Amino acid sequence: MPDMTEPEGLNLDSIDYWRDRAGDFQQKYEDLKEEYRSLEATGKEVEGELEDLIRMLEQQNSKLKTDHSQTTSDLEKLRQVFQQKRTQFNPSFNRSIALRHSHNSETSSPPPPPSR
């Protein structure tokens, strides 16, 4: 029959204490593992949302660049048309002003002399 006596320096209270401590550590480990999994899943979800947002913003940026390029091109065309029209009509406009000015000076009387 085996000896059922406690080894020296070891008692049942000490074994129960360390068994309880091991159980506490095991529970903390399981809780932390579950929290880690939850955070990991949340992180992947946020990462997916951010990647979608980046794709959307890149598309918007590309569209804005295209719109800007088109607007710049349209502006340049309008400037060219404006220059052509100004060149085309400016001489006749200047002649019209000159004729009107010369007509006014021929028909108007000289200004009165200043009073003293």
N, C-alpha and C. Protein backbone atom coordinates (compact mmCIF):
# COMPACT_ATOMS: atom_id res chain seq x y z
N MET A 1 0.83 -1.16 0.00
CA MET A 1 0.00 0.00 0.00
C MET A 1 0.89 1.24 0.00
N PRO A 2 0.57 2.23 -0.95
CA PRO A 2 1.42 3.42 -1.03
C PRO A 2 1.22 4.33 0.18
N ASP A 3 2.25 5.10 0.44
CA ASP A 3 2.23 6.02 1.57
C ASP A 3 1.42 7.25 1.17
N MET A 4 0.34 7.56 1.91
CA MET A 4 -0.55 8.68 1.60
C MET A 4 -0.25 9.90 2.47
N THR A 5 0.85 9.95 3.04
CA THR A 5 1.19 11.09 3.87
C THR A 5 1.72 12.22 3.00
N GLU A 6 1.55 13.42 3.50
CA GLU A 6 2.02 14.61 2.78
C GLU A 6 3.53 14.66 2.82
N PRO A 7 4.14 15.04 1.68
CA PRO A 7 5.58 15.24 1.73
C PRO A 7 5.90 16.42 2.65
N GLU A 8 7.09 16.42 3.13
CA GLU A 8 7.49 17.47 4.07
C GLU A 8 7.51 18.83 3.38
N GLY A 9 6.92 19.87 3.99
CA GLY A 9 6.90 21.23 3.47
C GLY A 9 5.75 21.46 2.49
N LEU A 10 4.99 20.47 2.20
CA LEU A 10 3.88 20.60 1.26
C LEU A 10 2.60 20.28 2.01
N ASN A 11 1.64 21.18 1.94
CA ASN A 11 0.37 20.90 2.60
C ASN A 11 -0.77 21.13 1.61
N LEU A 12 -1.93 20.69 1.91
CA LEU A 12 -3.08 20.78 1.02
C LEU A 12 -3.50 22.23 0.79
N ASP A 13 -3.35 23.09 1.78
CA ASP A 13 -3.69 24.50 1.61
C ASP A 13 -2.81 25.14 0.53
N SER A 14 -1.55 24.80 0.53
CA SER A 14 -0.62 25.32 -0.46
C SER A 14 -0.99 24.83 -1.85
N ILE A 15 -1.36 23.56 -1.98
CA ILE A 15 -1.75 23.02 -3.28
C ILE A 15 -3.02 23.69 -3.77
N ASP A 16 -3.99 23.86 -2.91
CA ASP A 16 -5.24 24.53 -3.29
C ASP A 16 -4.99 25.97 -3.73
N TYR A 17 -4.09 26.65 -3.00
CA TYR A 17 -3.75 28.03 -3.34
C TYR A 17 -3.19 28.10 -4.76
N TRP A 18 -2.22 27.27 -5.09
CA TRP A 18 -1.59 27.32 -6.40
C TRP A 18 -2.52 26.81 -7.50
N ARG A 19 -3.40 25.88 -7.16
CA ARG A 19 -4.40 25.42 -8.12
C ARG A 19 -5.35 26.57 -8.46
N ASP A 20 -5.78 27.31 -7.45
CA ASP A 20 -6.66 28.47 -7.67
C ASP A 20 -5.95 29.54 -8.50
N ARG A 21 -4.68 29.77 -8.17
CA ARG A 21 -3.90 30.77 -8.93
C ARG A 21 -3.78 30.35 -10.39
N ALA A 22 -3.49 29.08 -10.63
CA ALA A 22 -3.37 28.57 -12.00
C ALA A 22 -4.70 28.75 -12.73
N GLY A 23 -5.80 28.49 -12.04
CA GLY A 23 -7.13 28.68 -12.65
C GLY A 23 -7.38 30.15 -12.99
N ASP A 24 -6.97 31.04 -12.08
CA ASP A 24 -7.13 32.49 -12.34
C ASP A 24 -6.33 32.90 -13.57
N PHE A 25 -5.09 32.42 -13.65
CA PHE A 25 -4.24 32.76 -14.80
C PHE A 25 -4.82 32.17 -16.10
N GLN A 26 -5.35 30.96 -16.00
CA GLN A 26 -5.96 30.34 -17.18
C GLN A 26 -7.16 31.17 -17.65
N GLN A 27 -7.98 31.65 -16.72
CA GLN A 27 -9.14 32.46 -17.06
C GLN A 27 -8.71 33.80 -17.66
N LYS A 28 -7.70 34.43 -17.08
CA LYS A 28 -7.19 35.69 -17.64
C LYS A 28 -6.65 35.47 -19.04
N TYR A 29 -5.95 34.37 -19.23
CA TYR A 29 -5.42 34.05 -20.56
C TYR A 29 -6.56 33.90 -21.58
N GLU A 30 -7.60 33.17 -21.21
CA GLU A 30 -8.74 32.96 -22.11
C GLU A 30 -9.45 34.29 -22.40
N ASP A 31 -9.61 35.12 -21.37
CA ASP A 31 -10.25 36.43 -21.56
C ASP A 31 -9.43 37.31 -22.51
N LEU A 32 -8.12 37.34 -22.30
CA LEU A 32 -7.25 38.15 -23.16
C LEU A 32 -7.22 37.62 -24.59
N LYS A 33 -7.24 36.30 -24.73
CA LYS A 33 -7.25 35.69 -26.06
C LYS A 33 -8.54 36.08 -26.80
N GLU A 34 -9.66 36.06 -26.10
CA GLU A 34 -10.94 36.46 -26.71
C GLU A 34 -10.94 37.94 -27.06
N GLU A 35 -10.40 38.77 -26.18
CA GLU A 35 -10.31 40.20 -26.45
C GLU A 35 -9.42 40.47 -27.66
N TYR A 36 -8.31 39.73 -27.75
CA TYR A 36 -7.41 39.87 -28.89
C TYR A 36 -8.13 39.51 -30.19
N ARG A 37 -8.85 38.41 -30.20
CA ARG A 37 -9.59 38.00 -31.39
C ARG A 37 -10.62 39.04 -31.79
N SER A 38 -11.30 39.59 -30.80
CA SER A 38 -12.29 40.64 -31.07
C SER A 38 -11.63 41.88 -31.66
N LEU A 39 -10.51 42.30 -31.07
CA LEU A 39 -9.79 43.47 -31.58
C LEU A 39 -9.24 43.21 -32.98
N GLU A 40 -8.77 41.99 -33.21
CA GLU A 40 -8.25 41.64 -34.52
C GLU A 40 -9.36 41.71 -35.58
N ALA A 41 -10.55 41.19 -35.24
CA ALA A 41 -11.68 41.24 -36.17
C ALA A 41 -12.10 42.69 -36.43
N THR A 42 -12.15 43.49 -35.38
CA THR A 42 -12.50 44.91 -35.53
C THR A 42 -11.46 45.62 -36.38
N GLY A 43 -10.19 45.31 -36.15
CA GLY A 43 -9.10 45.92 -36.94
C GLY A 43 -9.22 45.58 -38.41
N LYS A 44 -9.55 44.33 -38.72
CA LYS A 44 -9.71 43.93 -40.12
C LYS A 44 -10.90 44.63 -40.75
N GLU A 45 -11.97 44.80 -39.97
CA GLU A 45 -13.15 45.51 -40.47
C GLU A 45 -12.82 46.97 -40.77
N VAL A 46 -12.14 47.61 -39.84
CA VAL A 46 -11.74 49.02 -40.03
C VAL A 46 -10.79 49.12 -41.22
N GLU A 47 -9.86 48.20 -41.34
CA GLU A 47 -8.92 48.20 -42.46
C GLU A 47 -9.67 48.10 -43.79
N GLY A 48 -10.68 47.23 -43.85
CA GLY A 48 -11.48 47.10 -45.08
C GLY A 48 -12.22 48.39 -45.39
N GLU A 49 -12.80 49.02 -44.36
CA GLU A 49 -13.51 50.28 -44.56
C GLU A 49 -12.55 51.36 -45.06
N LEU A 50 -11.36 51.42 -44.48
CA LEU A 50 -10.38 52.43 -44.89
C LEU A 50 -9.90 52.18 -46.33
N GLU A 51 -9.72 50.90 -46.69
CA GLU A 51 -9.32 50.60 -48.06
C GLU A 51 -10.41 51.02 -49.05
N ASP A 52 -11.68 50.79 -48.67
CA ASP A 52 -12.79 51.23 -49.52
C ASP A 52 -12.79 52.76 -49.65
N LEU A 53 -12.57 53.43 -48.54
CA LEU A 53 -12.53 54.89 -48.54
C LEU A 53 -11.38 55.40 -49.42
N ILE A 54 -10.22 54.76 -49.32
CA ILE A 54 -9.07 55.15 -50.14
C ILE A 54 -9.40 54.98 -51.62
N ARG A 55 -10.01 53.84 -51.99
CA ARG A 55 -10.39 53.62 -53.39
C ARG A 55 -11.35 54.71 -53.87
N MET A 56 -12.35 55.04 -53.02
CA MET A 56 -13.32 56.06 -53.39
C MET A 56 -12.64 57.42 -53.57
N LEU A 57 -11.75 57.77 -52.64
CA LEU A 57 -11.06 59.06 -52.73
C LEU A 57 -10.12 59.11 -53.93
N GLU A 58 -9.48 57.99 -54.26
CA GLU A 58 -8.63 57.95 -55.44
C GLU A 58 -9.46 58.15 -56.71
N GLN A 59 -10.66 57.56 -56.75
CA GLN A 59 -11.54 57.76 -57.90
C GLN A 59 -11.97 59.22 -58.00
N GLN A 60 -12.34 59.80 -56.86
CA GLN A 60 -12.73 61.22 -56.86
C GLN A 60 -11.57 62.09 -57.30
N ASN A 61 -10.38 61.79 -56.82
CA ASN A 61 -9.20 62.56 -57.19
C ASN A 61 -8.95 62.47 -58.69
N SER A 62 -9.07 61.26 -59.22
CA SER A 62 -8.88 61.06 -60.66
C SER A 62 -9.91 61.86 -61.45
N LYS A 63 -11.17 61.83 -61.01
CA LYS A 63 -12.22 62.58 -61.70
C LYS A 63 -11.95 64.08 -61.61
N LEU A 64 -11.54 64.55 -60.45
CA LEU A 64 -11.23 65.98 -60.29
C LEU A 64 -10.06 66.40 -61.18
N LYS A 65 -9.05 65.54 -61.30
CA LYS A 65 -7.93 65.85 -62.18
C LYS A 65 -8.40 65.94 -63.63
N THR A 66 -9.27 65.00 -64.03
CA THR A 66 -9.81 65.01 -65.38
C THR A 66 -10.64 66.28 -65.61
N ASP A 67 -11.51 66.60 -64.65
CA ASP A 67 -12.33 67.81 -64.75
C ASP A 67 -11.45 69.06 -64.82
N HIS A 68 -10.41 69.10 -64.00
CA HIS A 68 -9.51 70.25 -64.01
C HIS A 68 -8.82 70.39 -65.36
N SER A 69 -8.37 69.29 -65.88
CA SER A 69 -7.70 69.31 -67.19
C SER A 69 -8.66 69.79 -68.27
N GLN A 70 -9.91 69.30 -68.24
CA GLN A 70 -10.91 69.72 -69.22
C GLN A 70 -11.23 71.21 -69.07
N THR A 71 -11.36 71.65 -67.84
CA THR A 71 -11.66 73.07 -67.59
C THR A 71 -10.51 73.95 -68.05
N THR A 72 -9.29 73.54 -67.80
CA THR A 72 -8.11 74.28 -68.24
C THR A 72 -8.08 74.36 -69.77
N SER A 73 -8.39 73.25 -70.40
CA SER A 73 -8.42 73.21 -71.87
C SER A 73 -9.52 74.14 -72.40
N ASP A 74 -10.71 74.07 -71.79
CA ASP A 74 -11.82 74.94 -72.21
C ASP A 74 -11.45 76.40 -72.01
N LEU A 75 -10.81 76.73 -70.91
CA LEU A 75 -10.40 78.10 -70.64
C LEU A 75 -9.43 78.59 -71.70
N GLU A 76 -8.48 77.75 -72.06
CA GLU A 76 -7.49 78.14 -73.08
C GLU A 76 -8.18 78.39 -74.42
N LYS A 77 -9.14 77.53 -74.76
CA LYS A 77 -9.89 77.74 -76.02
C LYS A 77 -10.66 79.05 -75.98
N LEU A 78 -11.29 79.35 -74.85
CA LEU A 78 -12.03 80.60 -74.72
C LEU A 78 -11.10 81.82 -74.79
N ARG A 79 -9.93 81.69 -74.24
CA ARG A 79 -8.96 82.79 -74.33
C ARG A 79 -8.55 83.03 -75.78
N GLN A 80 -8.35 81.95 -76.51
CA GLN A 80 -7.98 82.08 -77.92
C GLN A 80 -9.10 82.75 -78.71
N VAL A 81 -10.35 82.32 -78.46
CA VAL A 81 -11.49 82.92 -79.15
C VAL A 81 -11.59 84.40 -78.78
N PHE A 82 -11.42 84.72 -77.50
CA PHE A 82 -11.47 86.10 -77.06
C PHE A 82 -10.40 86.93 -77.76
N GLN A 83 -9.18 86.41 -77.82
CA GLN A 83 -8.10 87.13 -78.50
C GLN A 83 -8.43 87.36 -79.97
N GLN A 84 -8.96 86.34 -80.63
CA GLN A 84 -9.32 86.49 -82.05
C GLN A 84 -10.39 87.55 -82.22
N LYS A 85 -11.43 87.51 -81.37
CA LYS A 85 -12.53 88.48 -81.47
C LYS A 85 -12.03 89.88 -81.15
N ARG A 86 -11.19 89.99 -80.15
CA ARG A 86 -10.67 91.30 -79.78
C ARG A 86 -9.81 91.86 -80.91
N THR A 87 -8.98 91.01 -81.51
CA THR A 87 -8.14 91.44 -82.63
C THR A 87 -9.01 91.82 -83.82
N GLN A 88 -10.05 91.05 -84.05
CA GLN A 88 -10.95 91.27 -85.18
C GLN A 88 -11.75 92.56 -85.01
N PHE A 89 -12.28 92.79 -83.81
CA PHE A 89 -13.16 93.94 -83.61
C PHE A 89 -12.48 95.17 -83.05
N ASN A 90 -11.32 95.05 -82.51
CA ASN A 90 -10.63 96.17 -81.89
C ASN A 90 -10.33 97.29 -82.88
N PRO A 91 -9.81 97.03 -84.07
CA PRO A 91 -9.55 98.15 -84.98
C PRO A 91 -10.82 98.90 -85.35
N SER A 92 -11.89 98.19 -85.63
CA SER A 92 -13.13 98.89 -85.99
C SER A 92 -13.69 99.63 -84.77
N PHE A 93 -13.55 99.06 -83.61
CA PHE A 93 -14.01 99.74 -82.40
C PHE A 93 -13.20 101.01 -82.18
N ASN A 94 -11.88 100.92 -82.34
CA ASN A 94 -11.04 102.10 -82.17
C ASN A 94 -11.38 103.18 -83.18
N ARG A 95 -11.65 102.78 -84.45
CA ARG A 95 -12.04 103.76 -85.46
C ARG A 95 -13.36 104.42 -85.10
N SER A 96 -14.29 103.64 -84.60
CA SER A 96 -15.59 104.17 -84.20
C SER A 96 -15.44 105.21 -83.10
N ILE A 97 -14.62 104.91 -82.13
CA ILE A 97 -14.38 105.85 -81.03
C ILE A 97 -13.71 107.11 -81.56
N ALA A 98 -12.74 106.93 -82.44
CA ALA A 98 -12.02 108.09 -83.00
C ALA A 98 -12.98 108.96 -83.80
N LEU A 99 -13.84 108.32 -84.61
CA LEU A 99 -14.80 109.11 -85.39
C LEU A 99 -15.77 109.85 -84.48
N ARG A 100 -16.24 109.19 -83.47
CA ARG A 100 -17.19 109.82 -82.55
C ARG A 100 -16.51 110.99 -81.85
N HIS A 101 -15.26 110.80 -81.46
CA HIS A 101 -14.53 111.84 -80.77
C HIS A 101 -14.30 113.04 -81.70
N SER A 102 -13.93 112.77 -82.94
CA SER A 102 -13.69 113.88 -83.87
C SER A 102 -15.01 114.58 -84.21
N HIS A 103 -16.09 113.85 -84.32
CA HIS A 103 -17.40 114.45 -84.61
C HIS A 103 -17.84 115.34 -83.46
N ASN A 104 -17.62 114.91 -82.23
CA ASN A 104 -18.00 115.70 -81.06
C ASN A 104 -17.16 116.98 -80.99
N SER A 105 -15.91 116.92 -81.34
CA SER A 105 -15.08 118.12 -81.24
C SER A 105 -15.42 119.11 -82.34
N GLU A 106 -15.91 118.64 -83.50
CA GLU A 106 -16.30 119.55 -84.58
C GLU A 106 -17.61 120.25 -84.27
N THR A 107 -18.53 119.58 -83.65
CA THR A 107 -19.86 120.14 -83.43
C THR A 107 -20.00 120.85 -82.10
N SER A 108 -19.11 120.66 -81.23
CA SER A 108 -19.26 121.31 -79.93
C SER A 108 -18.50 122.62 -79.92
N SER A 109 -19.02 123.54 -79.13
CA SER A 109 -18.35 124.83 -78.99
C SER A 109 -17.24 124.70 -77.99
N PRO A 110 -16.25 125.56 -78.07
CA PRO A 110 -15.15 125.49 -77.13
C PRO A 110 -15.63 125.76 -75.72
N PRO A 111 -14.97 125.23 -74.76
CA PRO A 111 -15.39 125.46 -73.37
C PRO A 111 -15.22 126.92 -72.99
N PRO A 112 -16.07 127.40 -72.09
CA PRO A 112 -15.97 128.81 -71.68
C PRO A 112 -14.66 129.04 -70.93
N PRO A 113 -14.15 130.27 -70.99
CA PRO A 113 -12.91 130.56 -70.26
C PRO A 113 -13.18 130.51 -68.75
N PRO A 114 -12.18 130.18 -68.02
CA PRO A 114 -12.36 130.11 -66.56
C PRO A 114 -12.68 131.47 -65.96
N SER A 115 -13.51 131.54 -64.96
CA SER A 115 -13.81 132.80 -64.31
C SER A 115 -12.73 133.13 -63.32
N ARG A 116 -12.58 134.45 -63.16
CA ARG A 116 -11.53 134.90 -62.25
C ARG A 116 -12.08 135.41 -61.00
